[in-house]
Amino acid sequence: MVAPIDERFAAALRAEHAAIFGYGLVGARLDAATVGLAAAAETAHRSRRDALVLRLSAKGFQPPVAEPAYAVPGPVTDQPSALRLAVLIEERTAVAWRAVLAETEGDDRRLAVEALIDCATRATRARRAAGITPATVAFPGRPAD
């Protein structure tokens, strides 16, 4: 069964909350040449989070709040592990936005498309910084098999 659109937006908001948390870990392990990637990403995710909170509140839906902490797949101890986490953050957030995209139109669709493109672009930048090839994926936001 497909979740109603407000539930999909709520899932995207939860993904944005997790992304903001994750970029705090990422940024702490990057050097001067790459820390700007994390700072820009965190700013973008905060902006999108704020837009979602307003959108959901305006429709009378109670937006989910951020958790105190989020699980990460492993320790973030150096720049390579931080960049791998940045890729994962963007991939997971893209999955949430792709789910929103299917049933939207107008401004809601524009928000979802822009978010999906932004996540795909940021994941590519993180892959390049990490030396991961290929740097792009064919279908951003497609859940991993």
Protein backbone atom coordinates (compact mmCIF):
# COMPACT_ATOMS: atom_id res chain seq x y z
CA MET A 1 0.00 0.00 0.00
CA VAL A 2 1.25 3.48 -0.88
CA ALA A 3 1.46 5.99 1.94
CA PRO A 4 -0.66 9.15 1.67
CA ILE A 5 1.26 12.15 0.39
CA ASP A 6 1.47 13.91 3.77
CA GLU A 7 3.04 10.76 5.23
CA ARG A 8 5.56 10.76 2.38
CA PHE A 9 6.39 14.39 3.11
CA ALA A 10 6.75 13.46 6.79
CA ALA A 11 9.17 10.67 5.78
CA ALA A 12 11.13 13.19 3.72
CA LEU A 13 11.22 15.49 6.75
CA ARG A 14 12.58 12.66 8.91
CA ALA A 15 15.26 12.08 6.25
CA GLU A 16 16.13 15.79 6.32
CA HIS A 17 16.43 15.68 10.13
CA ALA A 18 18.78 12.70 9.83
CA ALA A 19 20.81 14.43 7.12
CA ILE A 20 21.36 17.50 9.30
CA PHE A 21 22.54 15.29 12.16
CA GLY A 22 24.81 13.30 9.84
CA TYR A 23 26.47 16.34 8.37
CA GLY A 24 27.55 17.39 11.86
CA LEU A 25 29.56 14.17 11.98
CA VAL A 26 30.80 14.54 8.41
CA GLY A 27 31.98 18.13 8.74
CA ALA A 28 34.03 17.35 11.83
CA ARG A 29 36.26 14.98 9.84
CA LEU A 30 36.81 16.90 6.60
CA ASP A 31 39.83 18.97 5.66
CA ALA A 32 39.78 22.61 4.57
CA ALA A 33 39.39 21.62 0.91
CA THR A 34 36.23 19.57 1.49
CA VAL A 35 34.55 20.97 4.61
CA GLY A 36 32.66 23.41 2.40
CA LEU A 37 30.77 20.47 0.89
CA ALA A 38 29.41 19.54 4.30
CA ALA A 39 28.61 23.12 5.28
CA ALA A 40 26.69 23.75 2.06
CA ALA A 41 24.87 20.43 2.35
CA GLU A 42 23.83 21.07 5.94
CA THR A 43 22.54 24.52 4.99
CA ALA A 44 20.53 23.06 2.09
CA HIS A 45 19.04 20.31 4.27
CA ARG A 46 18.12 22.83 6.98
CA SER A 47 16.39 25.01 4.41
CA ARG A 48 14.46 22.07 3.02
CA ARG A 49 13.55 20.93 6.54
CA ASP A 50 12.17 24.38 7.31
CA ALA A 51 10.12 24.40 4.09
CA LEU A 52 8.68 20.99 4.94
CA VAL A 53 7.75 21.99 8.48
CA LEU A 54 5.88 25.01 7.10
CA ARG A 55 4.20 22.95 4.37
CA LEU A 56 3.03 20.21 6.73
CA SER A 57 1.92 22.68 9.43
CA ALA A 58 -0.06 24.73 6.90
CA LYS A 59 -1.97 21.58 5.94
CA GLY A 60 -2.76 20.81 9.60
CA PHE A 61 -0.34 17.88 9.74
CA GLN A 62 1.90 17.58 12.82
CA PRO A 63 5.48 17.57 11.47
CA PRO A 64 7.75 14.93 13.02
CA VAL A 65 10.45 16.38 15.25
CA ALA A 66 14.13 15.49 15.05
CA GLU A 67 15.42 12.58 17.09
CA PRO A 68 18.15 13.33 19.63
CA ALA A 69 20.56 11.15 17.60
CA TYR A 70 20.58 8.92 14.54
CA ALA A 71 22.39 5.65 13.89
CA VAL A 72 25.21 5.68 11.37
CA PRO A 73 26.53 2.57 9.63
CA GLY A 74 29.94 2.76 11.29
CA PRO A 75 32.40 5.03 13.01
CA VAL A 76 33.25 8.32 11.34
CA THR A 77 36.93 8.62 12.20
CA ASP A 78 38.56 10.22 9.19
CA GLN A 79 37.89 11.97 5.90
CA PRO A 80 37.23 8.81 3.83
CA SER A 81 34.62 7.53 6.32
CA ALA A 82 33.07 11.01 6.50
CA LEU A 83 32.76 11.21 2.72
CA ARG A 84 31.22 7.73 2.57
CA LEU A 85 28.67 8.88 5.15
CA ALA A 86 27.94 11.99 3.07
CA VAL A 87 27.19 9.78 0.06
CA LEU A 88 24.92 7.57 2.17
CA ILE A 89 23.10 10.58 3.63
CA GLU A 90 22.33 11.92 0.17
CA GLU A 91 21.32 8.51 -1.18
CA ARG A 92 18.93 7.88 1.71
CA THR A 93 17.45 11.36 1.50
CA ALA A 94 16.99 10.94 -2.26
CA VAL A 95 14.99 7.75 -1.65
CA ALA A 96 12.58 9.69 0.57
CA TRP A 97 12.19 12.47 -1.98
CA ARG A 98 11.66 10.07 -4.87
CA ALA A 99 8.74 8.57 -2.94
CA VAL A 100 7.21 12.06 -2.64
CA LEU A 101 7.65 12.77 -6.33
CA ALA A 102 5.29 10.12 -7.66
CA GLU A 103 2.03 11.61 -6.37
CA THR A 104 2.66 15.34 -6.47
CA GLU A 105 2.00 18.23 -8.78
CA GLY A 106 2.55 21.97 -8.83
CA ASP A 107 4.67 23.47 -6.06
CA ASP A 108 4.83 20.16 -4.15
CA ARG A 109 6.25 18.42 -7.22
CA ARG A 110 8.73 21.24 -7.80
CA LEU A 111 9.93 20.90 -4.20
CA ALA A 112 10.36 17.12 -4.59
CA VAL A 113 12.14 17.38 -7.96
CA GLU A 114 14.52 20.07 -6.70
CA ALA A 115 15.27 18.04 -3.56
CA LEU A 116 15.93 14.86 -5.56
CA ILE A 117 18.24 16.70 -7.98
CA ASP A 118 20.04 18.38 -5.10
CA CYS A 119 20.60 15.06 -3.30
CA ALA A 120 21.89 13.43 -6.50
CA THR A 121 24.25 16.34 -7.15
CA ARG A 122 25.58 16.35 -3.59
CA ALA A 123 26.09 12.58 -3.66
CA THR A 124 28.09 12.95 -6.88
CA ARG A 125 30.27 15.65 -5.33
CA ALA A 126 30.92 13.48 -2.28
CA ARG A 127 31.73 10.45 -4.46
CA ARG A 128 34.20 12.52 -6.47
CA ALA A 129 35.85 13.89 -3.32
CA ALA A 130 36.12 10.32 -2.00
CA GLY A 131 37.47 8.94 -5.28
CA ILE A 132 34.47 6.63 -5.68
CA THR A 133 33.69 5.52 -9.22
CA PRO A 134 31.38 5.81 -10.89
CA ALA A 135 30.61 9.21 -9.42
CA THR A 136 26.98 9.10 -10.56
CA VAL A 137 24.15 6.59 -10.43
CA ALA A 138 21.62 5.91 -13.17
CA PHE A 139 18.48 6.40 -11.07
CA PRO A 140 18.98 8.66 -8.04
CA GLY A 141 16.61 7.86 -5.22
CA ARG A 142 16.17 4.23 -6.18
CA PRO A 143 16.32 2.12 -3.01
CA ALA A 144 19.32 -0.21 -2.80
CA ASP A 145 18.61 -3.81 -3.66
